[in-house]
Amino acid sequence: MIRTSSFAVSSTLTLFALSLALLATPAPALAQAKFGDAEFQCVSGKQKAAGKYCQSVLKAWSTWDKKGDDAKRDASIVKAASKLTSSWSKEETKSSGSGVDCIDQTVSAGAMAATIDAATTDIVAEINTGLDLANKDDATCGSKLVKAAATQCGGLLKVESKHTKAAPKGGSGAKRAEGKTKASDKFSAAWLKAATCATGATEGDIESRLDTISNGAVYDTAVSPLVDAAEFQPVSFDGLTDTVEYEGRTYTPRCAFDGDEDYHFFVKRGSENKVVMYYQGGGACWENLTCGIPVCKNGADPISDDPDLASTGFADLSNPDNPFRNWNIVFVTYCTCDIHYGDADQTYSGALPDVNVAHRGFSNAKVAEKFARENFLNPDVVMVTGSSAGGYGALFHGGLIPKVWPASEVNVIGDASNGVITPDFLQNEFPNWNFEANLPDDIPGVLESIANGTGMPAYTEAVAAFYPDSKWANYSTAYDGGTGGQTGFYNVMLNGNDPIAALSWWEGSCAFGSQMRLQATDTHTAISATPANNYRYYIGTGSRHTMYGSNKVYDAVEGTVGGEAQTVVDWINEMLAYNPAAPATPWDNVSCTDCGLVLPGDPAPAVIPTPPFVAGGGPTSVEIVCP
């Protein structure tokens, strides 16, 4: 007779674990910090405890395969659940004693137990499929296979625990990968030795299920369950009264203009231990005319700025081709007219009435960073990006993010933010934001890039060299246009900061296109000569400003690599897969071939011809022809 099981741990086990968790969890101290080394120690301890629990549960099932004793199996699992809850409470108490709250960072012990119970039950069911456990040989075989799974589950989470513990000092992705490989090799050897029966399970399937348990346990301890997963939620500040303490400094988040001071950014939890830091665009201003109009987004609205309203491009989280669809996202709203890095309150006088402007972009970005750091403890991968003014926010805060998450893989993309500016602007207007005050002075070449006028190319070279494991990139169309596009602002600068020049933005198209391409190629040439070789560019066809929120990222072929067409999403996927330390997969520069073709939806003058826009080929019968 074949011995079978319901392969379901009694619901009383989960209830027992949950009740223990509730009884043993101390109330958080209101004054405690939400981030610190103690939190990494706490989460590391919880991950190790989760691994021990997974191993104990599977060992209990392994014994059951041979003995068939339900009561003994259940008692072993109850005991393991009790140890898990005790370990959870112990880690939280230790962290609390160091002044750091670790409770809200993770799921409860009971929730962790329930997840592992369900997954391990499925693993046992799969292994025992096709076996007659009343047959001694089958029972022994099944028991050994389940025991091999037990060892692997504990081993994987032990590796993750060590990685988390070392994360504040940079961790080691190589050591983590090496540890996982060793665990996998041991599991493979044990499986091969034990698999002498007609189990319906395969080694690959069971190992994949164990990886899922491990990855899930890391996610449930590294990503705070308090962050909403259903929709973006605003995090709001009173622009006149709220202050935020972070890294030994008091920040005062607010928007730029009086009467509309309140600041809001947005967050959404995903299902992977990865983070997108997205910096919203919206122009910039730097003196009486540009700020008096103003030519920038100057308010943050918890309703109209809600990223849930976006439904195209990489903002569409339902698109299966979106590489960021399952990532945690921090949407850093823009309202300070200073490319997210200003740190000065100014009164601008001139032809227009005096205008007071609080350039607090750096404060706003740092409070968003603080939230991200507190709720997404140790992401595997971080994408720092933004569009237009937000692209500059991404590039400059990207120079700070590797210190925020020192064990994470950091990628930085500036979308339509190539730093094509005039020397006059860099010397005379740029200082109005007090930009240099917060640049990292420990990175050689960063301060010099501003002081000596070499600008964005030299800055990128400096940060890419200082963080050789990070990856940096720029995207722009060849003639990025429109009043709010790169040519629009460049034309304003070329015309003595006259904002009216933005209305005839096309007059700057050729000058912008030439300088942008020169900067991109020179930056790549310089960085490719270093061991890091961690910078690439994508120059697309036409005059559209920004790509992140456009569906063209999926299907429009704007550039080629070696004659082969490549979409933006393909290029970004290559970036994510590329490892500067061991480049086994390609990540290339992409450049348009028919760069001047004006595509549907691209900005163009109302009257054609208006040089450099002339009648021509392509889908709109308009093209840009430069001397």
Foldseek 3Di string as FASTA:
>chain_A
DFDDDPLAQPPVLLVLLVVLLVVLADDADPQFALDDLLLLLLLLQLLLLLLLLLLQLLLLVLVCLQVVDSVSSNVSNSVSSNVSSVSNSVSQVSSVVVRHGQPQQFDTSSVLSVVSSVLLSVLLVQQCVPARSVDNLSSNLSSQLSNLLSQLLSQLSNLVSQQSSCFLVQRDPVSSVVSNVVSLVSSVVSNVVSPPHDGNDDSVVSVVSSVVSSQQSSCRRQFGPVFAAPFKDKDKDDQPDDWDDDPNDIFRQFWWAPPATMAIKIKHAFRGLEEEEEEEFWAADFACQCPVVPRTAAHDDRPPVGLVVFCFFLSNLVDPLNPCNRHIYIYQYDHQRQLLQFQDWDFHDDPDHTGITGNRSPRSSVVSLSVCCSRRPAGQEYEQEYFQSRLSVSLQCLLVVCSSRSNHAYEHERWQCQFPADLCCLVPRNCSRVRLVPHDPVQPQQSVCSVVVVHDLSNVLRSCVVCLFYAYEYEEALQAAACSGPLNVRQCRVVVNNSVSSVVSQVSRVVVNVVSVVSQVVSQVSNCVDLSSHYAYEYFAAHHGGDRSHNQQPPPFGWADPPHTDGNSRLVVQSVVAGSNDGPGDRHHTYGDQRFAHAPPHDDDPDAPDALWHQDDDPVRITGDDD
